[in-house]
Amino acid sequence: MIKRSLLKAAPVLFFFLVLYSSCNFSNGQAAIDSAEADSLSRLDSIEKAKEEAILNNPFVDSNLYRSQVLALANGDTTGKWPVKNQPIPLAGAILPAKRIIAYYGNLYSTRMGILGEHPPELMLEHLDAEIKKWNEADSTTEAIPALHYIAVVAQGSEGKDGKYRNRMPDSQIDSVLSIAKMRNALVFLDIQVALSTIEDELPRLEKYLKLPHVHLGIDPEFSMKDGSKPGKKIGSFNASDINFATEYLQKLVQDNNLPPKVLVVHRFTQGMVKNYSDIKLRPEVQFVMDMDGWGPPELKKGTYRHFIHKEPVEFTGFKLFYKNDIKNPPNRMLTPEELLKLKPIPIYIQYQ
């Protein structure tokens, strides 16, 4: 009887079993979906925490940075390189992880450098070729493009205010920014103060320097502190002039939450930069002393040894001239492979 009753009840029991199983499966699937959602939520929280940690830790990896700086010293045994007490820069610093390859000049002149010598498309093709050479010569440090534009130009005539300098109009600076955008390139705005001062010229460029990819160059050669006309003799900057620029950039970075700015200072004589040891380094500013002289290879390397290597500040640069370096045959331009043998290795390369 019991067995027969069970047989008669089997269809009903099967129905309820299927229904029960279906409910359990749905509940189980819901539980899985809920668990996955919780897991994804936790992952999102972890990623957000990582992002917040990065934001709250505004400095680059100190160990990696020091190893890269040590590599730039290239085995120097004088004790000058790498620079002692070099600050760890803020996150977003370009140097020394990247090598900057810059084209220098002014859009109004075909004689002031390669930047203004050719139409933009052709000029950028030449820059691409140099970038390729550097990346082939040193695969450990990516070469990136930059346009180094003379935004304040020293001139032979005194002008309306007697300062012997010509400020480029915003329209020209805007054109350089547009050209740079074609290659996602950095932009450097260079100042030749003549009889003016860094204090008077730098603030005019502030709206451009607030852009993350725009950096600064200043040229002691045309800083005529004795009132001489620019070009008649070689001018100079004191450490105090340079410190004004770095402090100005520091505040700009802090106030606008920007990555560090690169400051390039040109040099090819002892007297162009006075009291170099008083130059203040800051985490917000990466300082480059750029060897700016032209001539045959051995003369240029000697200038680098005497005025760049012997008076260390932070990073170094090297300028190459397409015309002046080869002016007197058999003179020639130095190659990337040769420059990579220097002590320290330049991390900023400029072509004029």
Protein backbone atom coordinates (compact mmCIF):
# COMPACT_ATOMS: atom_id res chain seq x y z
CA MET A 1 0.00 0.00 0.00
CA ILE A 2 2.71 2.32 0.90
CA LYS A 3 4.66 1.55 -2.28
CA ARG A 4 1.52 1.87 -4.43
CA SER A 5 0.66 5.23 -2.79
CA LEU A 6 4.14 6.50 -3.43
CA LEU A 7 3.86 5.50 -7.08
CA LYS A 8 0.55 7.31 -7.41
CA ALA A 9 2.01 10.37 -5.70
CA ALA A 10 5.25 10.36 -7.75
CA PRO A 11 4.09 12.83 -10.45
CA VAL A 12 3.00 15.31 -7.82
CA LEU A 13 6.23 14.86 -5.87
CA PHE A 14 8.26 15.31 -9.08
CA PHE A 15 6.44 18.55 -9.82
CA PHE A 16 7.20 19.95 -6.39
CA LEU A 17 10.81 18.70 -6.61
CA VAL A 18 11.34 20.51 -9.90
CA LEU A 19 9.72 23.62 -8.53
CA TYR A 20 11.86 23.43 -5.37
CA SER A 21 15.03 22.90 -7.39
CA SER A 22 14.16 25.77 -9.70
CA CYS A 23 13.64 28.08 -6.77
CA ASN A 24 16.91 26.95 -5.20
CA PHE A 25 18.77 27.43 -8.51
CA SER A 26 17.37 30.92 -8.90
CA ASN A 27 18.27 31.76 -5.36
CA GLY A 28 21.72 30.24 -5.84
CA GLN A 29 22.28 32.17 -9.08
CA ALA A 30 21.15 35.33 -7.35
CA ALA A 31 23.62 34.63 -4.58
CA ILE A 32 26.42 34.11 -7.14
CA ASP A 33 25.47 37.31 -8.96
CA SER A 34 25.42 39.15 -5.66
CA ALA A 35 28.83 37.73 -4.70
CA GLU A 36 30.29 38.73 -8.08
CA ALA A 37 28.84 42.20 -7.70
CA ASP A 38 30.36 42.47 -4.22
CA SER A 39 33.70 41.25 -5.60
CA LEU A 40 33.64 43.79 -8.45
CA SER A 41 32.69 46.48 -5.98
CA ARG A 42 35.66 45.52 -3.79
CA LEU A 43 37.97 45.58 -6.84
CA ASP A 44 36.69 49.04 -7.74
CA SER A 45 37.34 50.15 -4.19
CA ILE A 46 40.87 48.76 -4.34
CA GLU A 47 41.56 50.54 -7.63
CA LYS A 48 40.18 53.77 -6.23
CA ALA A 49 42.34 53.33 -3.16
CA LYS A 50 45.38 52.85 -5.40
CA GLU A 51 44.52 56.03 -7.30
CA GLU A 52 44.10 57.92 -4.03
CA ALA A 53 47.41 56.52 -2.79
CA ILE A 54 49.11 57.80 -5.94
CA LEU A 55 47.53 61.21 -5.50
CA ASN A 56 48.49 61.30 -1.84
CA ASN A 57 52.07 60.20 -2.65
CA PRO A 58 53.09 62.92 -5.09
CA PHE A 59 56.71 61.83 -5.58
CA VAL A 60 58.12 59.40 -8.10
CA ASP A 61 59.63 56.05 -7.07
CA SER A 62 62.78 57.20 -5.26
CA ASN A 63 64.78 54.01 -5.82
CA LEU A 64 64.02 53.94 -9.55
CA TYR A 65 64.79 57.64 -9.85
CA ARG A 66 68.16 57.30 -8.12
CA SER A 67 69.12 54.34 -10.30
CA GLN A 68 68.29 56.32 -13.44
CA VAL A 69 70.29 59.32 -12.22
CA LEU A 70 73.21 57.04 -11.41
CA ALA A 71 73.05 55.59 -14.93
CA LEU A 72 73.30 59.12 -16.36
CA ALA A 73 76.54 59.66 -14.41
CA ASN A 74 77.99 57.04 -16.77
CA GLY A 75 80.67 55.83 -14.40
CA ASP A 76 81.98 59.29 -13.51
CA THR A 77 84.68 58.98 -10.85
CA THR A 78 85.22 62.63 -9.95
CA GLY A 79 82.58 62.59 -7.21
CA LYS A 80 80.63 65.37 -8.94
CA TRP A 81 78.07 63.10 -10.63
CA PRO A 82 75.46 62.10 -9.75
CA VAL A 83 74.68 65.36 -7.97
CA LYS A 84 74.57 65.08 -4.19
CA ASN A 85 71.33 65.92 -2.35
CA GLN A 86 69.35 65.92 -5.58
CA PRO A 87 65.64 66.18 -4.65
CA ILE A 88 63.15 63.48 -5.65
CA PRO A 89 60.78 65.18 -8.12
CA LEU A 90 57.00 65.20 -8.02
CA ALA A 91 55.04 62.55 -9.87
CA GLY A 92 54.79 63.26 -13.59
CA ALA A 93 58.45 64.27 -13.88
CA ILE A 94 59.86 63.83 -17.39
CA LEU A 95 63.54 63.43 -16.52
CA PRO A 96 65.45 61.15 -16.49
CA ALA A 97 62.93 58.53 -17.65
CA LYS A 98 62.66 60.28 -21.04
CA ARG A 99 65.24 62.06 -23.20
CA ILE A 100 63.99 65.33 -24.67
CA ILE A 101 64.94 66.02 -28.30
CA ALA A 102 64.15 69.66 -29.10
CA TYR A 103 64.09 71.75 -32.25
CA TYR A 104 65.04 75.38 -31.56
CA GLY A 105 64.18 78.60 -33.33
CA ASN A 106 61.61 81.28 -34.11
CA LEU A 107 58.79 81.26 -36.67
CA TYR A 108 59.71 84.73 -37.92
CA SER A 109 63.27 83.75 -38.87
CA THR A 110 64.84 81.07 -41.06
CA ARG A 111 68.28 81.88 -39.57
CA MET A 112 67.60 81.46 -35.85
CA GLY A 113 67.17 77.70 -35.99
CA ILE A 114 65.59 74.67 -37.61
CA LEU A 115 62.21 75.39 -35.98
CA GLY A 116 61.60 78.37 -38.27
CA GLU A 117 63.66 77.25 -41.26
CA HIS A 118 61.16 74.88 -42.88
CA PRO A 119 57.37 74.56 -43.15
CA PRO A 120 55.95 72.76 -40.11
CA GLU A 121 55.34 69.41 -41.82
CA LEU A 122 58.87 69.21 -43.20
CA MET A 123 60.40 70.43 -39.95
CA LEU A 124 58.53 67.74 -38.01
CA GLU A 125 59.70 65.06 -40.44
CA HIS A 126 63.31 66.08 -39.71
CA LEU A 127 62.57 65.96 -35.98
CA ASP A 128 61.05 62.49 -36.38
CA ALA A 129 64.29 61.33 -37.99
CA GLU A 130 66.37 62.63 -35.07
CA ILE A 131 64.03 60.97 -32.56
CA LYS A 132 64.48 57.68 -34.41
CA LYS A 133 68.28 58.00 -34.31
CA TRP A 134 68.26 58.58 -30.56
CA ASN A 135 65.90 55.70 -29.86
CA GLU A 136 68.11 53.41 -31.91
CA ALA A 137 71.26 54.63 -30.13
CA ASP A 138 69.75 54.23 -26.65
CA SER A 139 66.82 51.85 -26.34
CA THR A 140 66.80 52.20 -22.54
CA THR A 141 65.64 55.84 -22.54
CA GLU A 142 62.76 56.85 -24.80
CA ALA A 143 63.42 59.98 -26.84
CA ILE A 144 60.46 62.37 -27.03
CA PRO A 145 59.96 65.47 -29.23
CA ALA A 146 59.93 69.11 -28.17
CA LEU A 147 59.78 72.52 -29.84
CA HIS A 148 62.00 75.12 -28.17
CA TYR A 149 60.65 78.49 -29.24
CA ILE A 150 62.35 81.85 -28.62
CA ALA A 151 59.39 83.78 -27.20
CA VAL A 152 61.42 86.86 -26.16
CA VAL A 153 64.12 87.73 -28.72
CA ALA A 154 67.14 89.97 -28.08
CA GLN A 155 67.59 92.47 -30.90
CA GLY A 156 69.92 95.16 -32.14
CA SER A 157 67.43 98.02 -31.92
CA GLU A 158 66.36 99.40 -28.56
CA GLY A 159 62.60 99.34 -29.17
CA LYS A 160 60.03 101.66 -27.62
CA ASP A 161 61.12 100.97 -24.03
CA GLY A 162 64.86 100.77 -24.69
CA LYS A 163 65.12 97.13 -23.58
CA TYR A 164 66.55 95.73 -26.84
CA ARG A 165 64.18 92.76 -26.85
CA ASN A 166 61.13 91.82 -28.86
CA ARG A 167 58.27 89.91 -27.24
CA MET A 168 56.62 87.52 -29.64
CA PRO A 169 52.84 87.99 -30.03
CA ASP A 170 50.48 85.41 -28.56
CA SER A 171 49.44 84.43 -32.08
CA GLN A 172 52.94 83.14 -32.79
CA ILE A 173 53.16 81.21 -29.52
CA ASP A 174 49.72 79.77 -30.27
CA SER A 175 51.02 78.63 -33.67
CA VAL A 176 53.91 76.80 -32.02
CA LEU A 177 51.48 75.08 -29.65
CA SER A 178 49.40 73.99 -32.64
CA ILE A 179 52.44 72.63 -34.46
CA ALA A 180 53.57 70.78 -31.33
CA LYS A 181 50.15 69.17 -31.06
CA MET A 182 50.79 67.43 -34.39
CA ARG A 183 53.39 65.27 -32.62
CA ASN A 184 52.16 65.50 -29.04
CA ALA A 185 55.42 67.35 -28.40
CA LEU A 186 56.58 69.38 -25.42
CA VAL A 187 56.99 73.13 -25.85
CA PHE A 188 59.73 75.28 -24.34
CA LEU A 189 59.36 79.05 -24.30
CA ASP A 190 62.79 80.69 -24.29
CA ILE A 191 63.58 84.15 -22.91
CA GLN A 192 66.43 86.41 -24.06
CA VAL A 193 66.02 89.32 -21.65
CA ALA A 194 68.60 91.73 -23.20
CA LEU A 195 68.29 94.88 -21.03
CA SER A 196 65.10 93.64 -19.40
CA THR A 197 64.96 91.11 -16.55
CA ILE A 198 63.59 87.64 -15.83
CA GLU A 199 61.28 89.28 -13.26
CA ASP A 200 59.69 91.43 -15.98
CA GLU A 201 59.53 88.84 -18.77
CA LEU A 202 58.53 85.60 -17.07
CA PRO A 203 55.07 86.62 -15.75
CA ARG A 204 53.92 87.49 -19.28
CA LEU A 205 54.22 83.84 -20.23
CA GLU A 206 52.37 82.51 -17.20
CA LYS A 207 49.16 81.57 -19.01
CA TYR A 208 51.21 79.30 -21.28
CA LEU A 209 53.34 77.87 -18.50
CA LYS A 210 50.15 76.81 -16.73
CA LEU A 211 49.75 74.22 -19.50
CA PRO A 212 51.21 70.87 -18.37
CA HIS A 213 53.34 70.37 -21.50
CA VAL A 214 54.87 73.87 -21.65
CA HIS A 215 58.30 74.45 -20.07
CA LEU A 216 60.88 77.25 -19.85
CA GLY A 217 64.29 78.18 -21.22
CA ILE A 218 66.39 81.21 -20.22
CA ASP A 219 69.51 82.43 -22.01
CA PRO A 220 72.31 84.16 -20.06
CA GLU A 221 74.13 85.04 -23.31
CA PHE A 222 71.71 87.88 -23.92
CA SER A 223 71.27 89.11 -20.34
CA MET A 224 73.13 92.42 -20.52
CA LYS A 225 73.48 93.55 -16.93
CA ASP A 226 75.98 96.31 -17.77
CA GLY A 227 73.67 97.96 -20.30
CA SER A 228 75.58 96.77 -23.36
CA LYS A 229 73.70 96.01 -26.55
CA PRO A 230 72.99 92.27 -26.90
CA GLY A 231 75.36 90.57 -29.31
CA LYS A 232 78.27 92.88 -28.53
CA LYS A 233 79.48 90.71 -25.64
CA ILE A 234 78.37 87.63 -23.75
CA GLY A 235 75.93 88.31 -20.94
CA SER A 236 75.27 86.48 -17.69
CA PHE A 237 72.79 85.29 -15.09
CA ASN A 238 73.49 85.08 -11.40
CA ALA A 239 72.15 82.24 -9.28
CA SER A 240 69.61 84.74 -7.93
CA ASP A 241 68.15 85.21 -11.43
CA ILE A 242 67.85 81.48 -11.90
CA ASN A 243 66.38 81.03 -8.42
CA PHE A 244 63.70 83.58 -9.23
CA ALA A 245 62.73 81.48 -12.25
CA THR A 246 62.70 78.19 -10.34
CA GLU A 247 60.72 79.70 -7.45
CA TYR A 248 58.22 81.16 -9.92
CA LEU A 249 57.81 77.78 -11.61
CA GLN A 250 57.57 76.04 -8.24
CA LYS A 251 54.63 78.21 -7.20
CA LEU A 252 52.97 77.72 -10.58
CA VAL A 253 53.20 73.95 -10.19
CA GLN A 254 51.90 74.02 -6.63
CA ASP A 255 49.02 76.43 -7.27
CA ASN A 256 47.81 74.65 -10.40
CA ASN A 257 48.49 71.01 -9.46
CA LEU A 258 50.89 70.57 -12.40
CA PRO A 259 53.63 68.02 -13.06
CA PRO A 260 57.17 69.35 -12.62
CA LYS A 261 58.45 71.97 -15.04
CA VAL A 262 61.73 71.63 -16.89
CA LEU A 263 63.99 74.69 -16.86
CA VAL A 264 66.77 74.86 -19.46
CA VAL A 265 69.64 77.32 -18.93
CA HIS A 266 72.07 77.78 -21.83
CA ARG A 267 75.80 77.97 -21.19
CA PHE A 268 79.10 77.87 -23.07
CA THR A 269 81.45 80.05 -20.97
CA GLN A 270 82.47 80.23 -17.33
CA GLY A 271 81.07 83.71 -16.81
CA MET A 272 77.60 83.07 -18.24
CA VAL A 273 76.38 81.50 -14.98
CA LYS A 274 77.68 83.02 -11.76
CA ASN A 275 77.55 81.39 -8.31
CA TYR A 276 76.23 78.12 -9.71
CA SER A 277 76.52 76.43 -6.30
CA ASP A 278 73.82 78.78 -4.95
CA ILE A 279 71.21 77.53 -7.44
CA LYS A 280 68.36 75.99 -5.45
CA LEU A 281 66.88 72.67 -6.60
CA ARG A 282 63.20 72.01 -6.08
CA PRO A 283 60.96 68.91 -6.49
CA GLU A 284 58.67 70.99 -8.72
CA VAL A 285 61.40 72.00 -11.19
CA GLN A 286 63.86 69.87 -13.15
CA PHE A 287 66.98 71.89 -13.95
CA VAL A 288 69.01 71.38 -17.15
CA MET A 289 72.33 73.13 -17.83
CA ASP A 290 72.60 73.04 -21.61
CA MET A 291 75.99 73.17 -23.38
CA ASP A 292 75.21 75.79 -26.02
CA GLY A 293 78.52 76.26 -27.88
CA TRP A 294 79.20 75.45 -31.50
CA GLY A 295 82.30 74.28 -33.34
CA PRO A 296 84.27 71.08 -34.04
CA PRO A 297 83.57 67.96 -31.94
CA GLU A 298 86.60 68.22 -29.64
CA LEU A 299 85.95 71.88 -28.87
CA LYS A 300 82.35 71.14 -27.98
CA LYS A 301 83.27 68.18 -25.79
CA GLY A 302 85.91 70.34 -24.07
CA THR A 303 83.34 73.06 -23.39
CA TYR A 304 81.06 70.40 -21.91
CA ARG A 305 83.84 69.12 -19.63
CA HIS A 306 84.92 72.56 -18.41
CA PHE A 307 81.61 74.38 -17.93
CA ILE A 308 78.95 71.67 -17.54
CA HIS A 309 80.69 68.68 -15.95
CA LYS A 310 82.82 70.72 -13.53
CA GLU A 311 79.93 72.77 -12.15
CA PRO A 312 77.13 70.24 -11.53
CA VAL A 313 73.60 71.42 -10.82
CA GLU A 314 71.11 68.66 -11.69
CA PHE A 315 70.74 67.47 -15.33
CA THR A 316 72.72 68.31 -18.46
CA GLY A 317 71.92 69.12 -22.07
CA PHE A 318 73.85 69.41 -25.30
CA LYS A 319 73.18 71.62 -28.31
CA LEU A 320 73.91 70.65 -31.91
CA PHE A 321 74.03 73.13 -34.80
CA TYR A 322 73.08 71.95 -38.27
CA LYS A 323 75.10 74.78 -39.87
CA ASN A 324 77.63 76.23 -37.42
CA ASP A 325 79.00 72.87 -36.30
CA ILE A 326 79.99 72.08 -39.89
CA LYS A 327 80.93 75.60 -40.94
CA ASN A 328 84.64 74.83 -41.37
CA PRO A 329 85.22 71.44 -43.04
CA PRO A 330 86.16 68.81 -42.02
CA ASN A 331 84.13 69.81 -38.96
CA ARG A 332 81.05 67.68 -38.38
CA MET A 333 78.15 67.24 -35.98
CA LEU A 334 78.54 64.86 -33.07
CA THR A 335 76.42 61.71 -33.26
CA PRO A 336 74.04 60.34 -30.61
CA GLU A 337 76.45 57.45 -30.04
CA GLU A 338 79.27 59.89 -29.24
CA LEU A 339 77.15 62.01 -26.91
CA LEU A 340 76.06 58.90 -25.01
CA LYS A 341 79.71 58.40 -24.01
CA LEU A 342 79.89 61.74 -22.17
CA LYS A 343 80.07 61.95 -18.38
CA PRO A 344 77.36 62.71 -17.43
CA ILE A 345 75.14 61.67 -20.33
CA PRO A 346 73.00 64.60 -21.53
CA ILE A 347 69.27 64.01 -21.12
CA TYR A 348 68.19 67.08 -23.11
CA ILE A 349 69.36 67.47 -26.72
CA GLN A 350 68.73 70.60 -28.73
CA TYR A 351 69.12 71.09 -32.48
CA GLN A 352 69.41 74.56 -34.01
